[in-house]
C-alpha atoms as a PDB file:
ATOM      1  CA  MET A   1     100.914 116.567  97.477  1.00  0.00           C
ATOM      2  CA  ILE A   2     100.220 113.297  99.154  1.00  0.00           C
ATOM      3  CA  PHE A   3      98.340 114.409 102.234  1.00  0.00           C
ATOM      4  CA  THR A   4      96.821 117.735 103.704  1.00  0.00           C
ATOM      5  CA  ASP A   5      99.266 120.275 104.540  1.00  0.00           C
ATOM      6  CA  ASP A   6      98.423 119.882 108.255  1.00  0.00           C
ATOM      7  CA  THR A   7      99.039 116.078 107.919  1.00  0.00           C
ATOM      8  CA  GLU A   8     102.419 116.312 106.292  1.00  0.00           C
ATOM      9  CA  GLU A   9     103.504 118.757 108.728  1.00  0.00           C
ATOM     10  CA  THR A  10     102.696 117.117 111.683  1.00  0.00           C
ATOM     11  CA  LEU A  11     104.306 113.885 110.155  1.00  0.00           C
ATOM     12  CA  ARG A  12     107.232 115.964 109.496  1.00  0.00           C
ATOM     13  CA  ALA A  13     107.408 117.029 113.148  1.00  0.00           C
ATOM     14  CA  ALA A  14     106.796 113.448 114.600  1.00  0.00           C
ATOM     15  CA  VAL A  15     109.608 112.216 112.585  1.00  0.00           C
ATOM     16  CA  TRP A  16     111.862 115.215 113.556  1.00  0.00           C
ATOM     17  CA  LEU A  17     111.216 114.160 117.425  1.00  0.00           C
ATOM     18  CA  VAL A  18     111.803 110.850 116.690  1.00  0.00           C
ATOM     19  CA  ASN A  19     114.968 111.439 114.945  1.00  0.00           C
ATOM     20  CA  SER A  20     115.964 113.524 117.651  1.00  0.00           C
ATOM     21  CA  ALA A  21     117.059 110.897 119.862  1.00  0.00           C
ATOM     22  CA  GLU A  22     119.725 109.704 117.487  1.00  0.00           C
ATOM     23  CA  GLU A  23     123.359 110.585 118.448  1.00  0.00           C
ATOM     24  CA  PRO A  24     123.819 113.446 118.996  1.00  0.00           C
ATOM     25  CA  ASP A  25     120.257 113.666 120.849  1.00  0.00           C
ATOM     26  CA  THR A  26     118.974 117.076 119.529  1.00  0.00           C
ATOM     27  CA  LEU A  27     116.367 117.673 122.134  1.00  0.00           C
ATOM     28  CA  LEU A  28     118.071 118.130 125.755  1.00  0.00           C
ATOM     29  CA  SER A  29     117.028 121.694 126.865  1.00  0.00           C
ATOM     30  CA  PRO A  30     114.303 124.161 126.268  1.00  0.00           C
ATOM     31  CA  SER A  31     116.748 126.227 123.417  1.00  0.00           C
ATOM     32  CA  ASP A  32     116.529 122.695 121.748  1.00  0.00           C
ATOM     33  CA  GLU A  33     112.651 122.741 121.887  1.00  0.00           C
ATOM     34  CA  ALA A  34     112.514 126.317 120.594  1.00  0.00           C
ATOM     35  CA  ASP A  35     114.494 125.031 117.431  1.00  0.00           C
ATOM     36  CA  PHE A  36     111.827 122.302 117.209  1.00  0.00           C
ATOM     37  CA  LEU A  37     108.934 124.848 117.612  1.00  0.00           C
ATOM     38  CA  SER A  38     110.632 127.162 115.148  1.00  0.00           C
ATOM     39  CA  GLY A  39     110.370 124.792 112.637  1.00  0.00           C
ATOM     40  CA  TYR A  40     107.234 123.360 113.304  1.00  0.00           C
ATOM     41  CA  GLY A  41     104.069 125.593 114.009  1.00  0.00           C
ATOM     42  CA  TYR A  42     102.258 124.489 116.992  1.00  0.00           C
ATOM     43  CA  THR A  43     100.245 126.910 119.047  1.00  0.00           C
ATOM     44  CA  GLY A  44      98.479 126.642 122.291  1.00  0.00           C
ATOM     45  CA  ARG A  45     100.147 126.184 125.546  1.00  0.00           C
ATOM     46  CA  ILE A  46     103.921 126.040 125.306  1.00  0.00           C
ATOM     47  CA  ASP A  47     105.753 126.127 128.880  1.00  0.00           C
ATOM     48  CA  ARG A  48     109.139 126.264 127.517  1.00  0.00           C
ATOM     49  CA  ASP A  49     110.586 124.485 130.326  1.00  0.00           C
ATOM     50  CA  GLN A  50     112.791 121.414 131.194  1.00  0.00           C
ATOM     51  CA  PRO A  51     109.581 119.352 132.391  1.00  0.00           C
ATOM     52  CA  GLU A  52     108.216 120.128 129.131  1.00  0.00           C
ATOM     53  CA  VAL A  53     111.042 119.071 127.358  1.00  0.00           C
ATOM     54  CA  ASP A  54     111.273 115.826 129.041  1.00  0.00           C
ATOM     55  CA  ALA A  55     107.689 115.068 128.038  1.00  0.00           C
ATOM     56  CA  LEU A  56     108.577 115.603 124.551  1.00  0.00           C
ATOM     57  CA  ARG A  57     111.607 113.176 125.056  1.00  0.00           C
ATOM     58  CA  ALA A  58     109.491 110.494 126.699  1.00  0.00           C
ATOM     59  CA  LEU A  59     107.231 110.377 124.094  1.00  0.00           C
ATOM     60  CA  ARG A  60     109.852 109.816 121.363  1.00  0.00           C
ATOM     61  CA  PRO A  61     109.931 105.613 121.761  1.00  0.00           C
ATOM     62  CA  GLN A  62     106.066 105.450 121.840  1.00  0.00           C
ATOM     63  CA  LEU A  63     105.749 108.131 118.366  1.00  0.00           C
ATOM     64  CA  ARG A  64     108.706 105.779 116.715  1.00  0.00           C
ATOM     65  CA  THR A  65     106.695 102.664 117.554  1.00  0.00           C
ATOM     66  CA  ILE A  66     103.444 104.071 116.077  1.00  0.00           C
ATOM     67  CA  LEU A  67     105.031 105.631 112.940  1.00  0.00           C
ATOM     68  CA  LEU A  68     106.716 102.252 112.168  1.00  0.00           C
ATOM     69  CA  ALA A  69     103.941  99.910 113.093  1.00  0.00           C
ATOM     70  CA  PRO A  70     102.361  97.899 110.340  1.00  0.00           C
ATOM     71  CA  ARG A  71      98.963  99.537 109.165  1.00  0.00           C
ATOM     72  CA  ASP A  72      96.560  97.379 111.540  1.00  0.00           C
ATOM     73  CA  GLU A  73      99.139  97.590 114.376  1.00  0.00           C
ATOM     74  CA  MET A  74      99.115 101.256 113.712  1.00  0.00           C
ATOM     75  CA  ALA A  75      95.557 101.358 113.692  1.00  0.00           C
ATOM     76  CA  VAL A  76      95.282 100.170 117.243  1.00  0.00           C
ATOM     77  CA  ALA A  77      97.818 102.417 118.492  1.00  0.00           C
ATOM     78  CA  VAL A  78      96.176 105.240 117.190  1.00  0.00           C
ATOM     79  CA  ASN A  79      93.108 104.373 118.666  1.00  0.00           C
ATOM     80  CA  GLU A  80      94.820 103.993 122.206  1.00  0.00           C
ATOM     81  CA  ALA A  81      96.457 107.663 121.785  1.00  0.00           C
ATOM     82  CA  LEU A  82      93.291 108.901 121.155  1.00  0.00           C
ATOM     83  CA  ALA A  83      91.359 106.953 124.188  1.00  0.00           C
ATOM     84  CA  GLY A  84      93.730 108.324 126.582  1.00  0.00           C
ATOM     85  CA  VAL A  85      92.711 111.866 126.126  1.00  0.00           C
ATOM     86  CA  SER A  86      89.792 114.190 126.367  1.00  0.00           C
ATOM     87  CA  LEU A  87      88.884 115.114 122.769  1.00  0.00           C
ATOM     88  CA  ALA A  88      87.610 118.802 121.980  1.00  0.00           C
ATOM     89  CA  LEU A  89      87.548 118.774 118.233  1.00  0.00           C
ATOM     90  CA  ARG A  90      87.527 122.250 116.247  1.00  0.00           C
ATOM     91  CA  LEU A  91      88.194 123.862 113.272  1.00  0.00           C
ATOM     92  CA  THR A  92      90.898 126.231 113.179  1.00  0.00           C
ATOM     93  CA  ARG A  93      93.332 128.191 111.213  1.00  0.00           C
ATOM     94  CA  HIS A  94      96.786 129.942 112.293  1.00  0.00           C
ATOM     95  CA  GLY A  95      99.847 131.382 110.709  1.00  0.00           C
ATOM     96  CA  ALA A  96     100.213 130.127 107.002  1.00  0.00           C
ATOM     97  CA  MET A  97      97.852 127.346 107.916  1.00  0.00           C
ATOM     98  CA  ASP A  98      94.523 127.134 106.488  1.00  0.00           C
ATOM     99  CA  TRP A  99      91.601 125.488 108.070  1.00  0.00           C
ATOM    100  CA  HIS A 100      92.664 122.382 109.415  1.00  0.00           C
ATOM    101  CA  LEU A 101      91.316 120.262 112.698  1.00  0.00           C
ATOM    102  CA  HIS A 102      92.665 120.555 116.298  1.00  0.00           C
ATOM    103  CA  ALA A 103      91.578 117.604 118.547  1.00  0.00           C
ATOM    104  CA  VAL A 104      92.532 118.620 122.163  1.00  0.00           C
ATOM    105  CA  ALA A 105      92.174 122.053 123.873  1.00  0.00           C
ATOM    106  CA  ASP A 106      95.205 124.615 123.275  1.00  0.00           C
ATOM    107  CA  ASP A 107      95.511 124.772 127.221  1.00  0.00           C
ATOM    108  CA  ARG A 108      96.531 120.682 127.370  1.00  0.00           C
ATOM    109  CA  PRO A 109     100.124 119.829 127.691  1.00  0.00           C
ATOM    110  CA  LEU A 110     102.654 119.939 124.470  1.00  0.00           C
ATOM    111  CA  ALA A 111     103.516 116.260 124.507  1.00  0.00           C
ATOM    112  CA  GLU A 112      99.970 115.397 124.568  1.00  0.00           C
ATOM    113  CA  ARG A 113      98.883 117.772 121.486  1.00  0.00           C
ATOM    114  CA  VAL A 114     101.956 116.186 119.601  1.00  0.00           C
ATOM    115  CA  LEU A 115     100.793 112.649 120.476  1.00  0.00           C
ATOM    116  CA  VAL A 116      96.935 113.308 119.486  1.00  0.00           C
ATOM    117  CA  GLU A 117      97.743 115.535 116.596  1.00  0.00           C
ATOM    118  CA  THR A 118     100.267 112.640 115.103  1.00  0.00           C
ATOM    119  CA  ALA A 119      97.846 110.034 115.747  1.00  0.00           C
ATOM    120  CA  MET A 120      95.085 112.386 113.825  1.00  0.00           C
ATOM    121  CA  ALA A 121      98.062 112.390 110.875  1.00  0.00           C
ATOM    122  CA  LEU A 122      97.832 108.752 110.830  1.00  0.00           C
ATOM    123  CA  ILE A 123      94.442 108.303 110.277  1.00  0.00           C
ATOM    124  CA  ASP A 124      95.272 110.047 106.910  1.00  0.00           C
ATOM    125  CA  VAL A 125      98.068 107.565 106.379  1.00  0.00           C
ATOM    126  CA  ILE A 126      96.116 104.281 107.290  1.00  0.00           C
ATOM    127  CA  ARG A 127      93.079 105.262 105.444  1.00  0.00           C
ATOM    128  CA  ALA A 128      95.237 106.060 102.162  1.00  0.00           C
ATOM    129  CA  GLU A 129      96.994 102.701 103.358  1.00  0.00           C
ATOM    130  CA  GLU A 130     100.470 104.827 102.870  1.00  0.00           C
ATOM    131  CA  GLY A 131     102.118 103.369 105.916  1.00  0.00           C
ATOM    132  CA  SER A 132     105.229 102.372 103.155  1.00  0.00           C
ATOM    133  CA  ARG A 133     106.124 106.030 103.267  1.00  0.00           C
ATOM    134  CA  ILE A 134     107.453 106.021 106.819  1.00  0.00           C
ATOM    135  CA  SER A 135     110.215 103.621 107.328  1.00  0.00           C
ATOM    136  CA  VAL A 136     113.737 103.328 108.936  1.00  0.00           C
ATOM    137  CA  CYS A 137     116.533 105.015 106.726  1.00  0.00           C
ATOM    138  CA  ALA A 138     117.892 102.834 104.173  1.00  0.00           C
ATOM    139  CA  ASP A 139     121.613 103.900 105.782  1.00  0.00           C
ATOM    140  CA  GLU A 140     123.110 100.627 107.475  1.00  0.00           C
ATOM    141  CA  THR A 141     124.297 102.378 110.291  1.00  0.00           C
ATOM    142  CA  CYS A 142     121.273 105.007 110.752  1.00  0.00           C
ATOM    143  CA  ASP A 143     118.006 103.975 112.707  1.00  0.00           C
ATOM    144  CA  ALA A 144     116.514 107.111 111.989  1.00  0.00           C
ATOM    145  CA  ILE A 145     112.942 107.414 110.354  1.00  0.00           C
ATOM    146  CA  ALA A 146     112.866 108.446 106.923  1.00  0.00           C
ATOM    147  CA  LEU A 147     109.451 110.063 105.673  1.00  0.00           C
ATOM    148  CA  ASP A 148     108.774 109.704 101.908  1.00  0.00           C
ATOM    149  CA  LEU A 149     105.963 112.590 100.692  1.00  0.00           C
ATOM    150  CA  SER A 150     107.758 112.584  97.259  1.00  0.00           C
ATOM    151  CA  ARG A 151     105.168 111.720  94.248  1.00  0.00           C
ATOM    152  CA  ASN A 152     107.578 108.840  92.892  1.00  0.00           C
ATOM    153  CA  ARG A 153     108.302 107.360  96.282  1.00  0.00           C
ATOM    154  CA  SER A 154     111.865 107.580  95.936  1.00  0.00           C
ATOM    155  CA  LYS A 155     112.967 108.924  99.387  1.00  0.00           C
ATOM    156  CA  ARG A 156     114.793 106.175 101.254  1.00  0.00           C
ATOM    157  CA  TYR A 157     117.281 107.920 103.408  1.00  0.00           C
ATOM    158  CA  CYS A 158     116.346 110.389 106.524  1.00  0.00           C
ATOM    159  CA  SER A 159     118.396 113.094 105.607  1.00  0.00           C
ATOM    160  CA  THR A 160     120.643 114.413 102.962  1.00  0.00           C
ATOM    161  CA  THR A 161     123.752 113.086 104.748  1.00  0.00           C
ATOM    162  CA  CYS A 162     122.873 109.577 104.819  1.00  0.00           C
ATOM    163  CA  ALA A 163     121.810 109.803 101.199  1.00  0.00           C
ATOM    164  CA  ASN A 164     125.257 111.158 100.231  1.00  0.00           C
ATOM    165  CA  ARG A 165     127.195 108.890 102.291  1.00  0.00           C
ATOM    166  CA  ASN A 166     125.581 106.158 100.319  1.00  0.00           C
ATOM    167  CA  ALA A 167     126.174 107.784  97.005  1.00  0.00           C
ATOM    168  CA  VAL A 168     129.709 108.393  97.797  1.00  0.00           C
ATOM    169  CA  ALA A 169     130.030 104.544  99.004  1.00  0.00           C
ATOM    170  CA  ALA A 170     128.625 103.280  95.791  1.00  0.00           C
ATOM    171  CA  TYR A 171     130.456 105.251  93.725  1.00  0.00           C
ATOM    172  CA  ARG A 172     133.491 103.989  95.158  1.00  0.00           C
ATOM    173  CA  ALA A 173     132.523 100.341  94.968  1.00  0.00           C
ATOM    174  CA  ARG A 174     131.641 100.998  91.003  1.00  0.00           C
ATOM    175  CA  ARG A 175     135.347 102.537  91.035  1.00  0.00           C
ATOM    176  CA  ALA A 176     137.016  99.631  92.857  1.00  0.00           C
ATOM    177  CA  GLU A 177     135.398  96.905  90.467  1.00  0.00           C
ATOM    178  CA  ALA A 178     136.510  98.751  87.475  1.00  0.00           C
END
């Protein structure tokens, strides 16, 4: 494990949100939001309505910029994200997650909590100098984000679909050369 469980989970959730903007967009309705929430254990206030979905959709470009920023720019963006909210730090545990830090009150809007939790996770990324684990997918036709939490830093693609497409293309190129 590179980071704590809650940091890894938050990074996965942020990458999912950013990548949901890729075609086809997978975050359009409250039912799409329910799919997101079933995969990522956000607790607290969840309205499950279209304005909340719209707020999450509006957050995606900001998350993408922060996640892909060079280390010093990422630090500035994290500070800006944290400066814009009223922090209410506390240790909590819920579901399968052991003790971890929540930074804002549970009654704050979901998009705000997602932004702050992502900023908190990126503090770990910045301090560990592990920003290279977050990159754009190596598939030339894909703009999604790839999150590499592997020990050997081998993940280059956002999904198995992109990895398989590139493996098949490389195989065909080798066969064509032979």
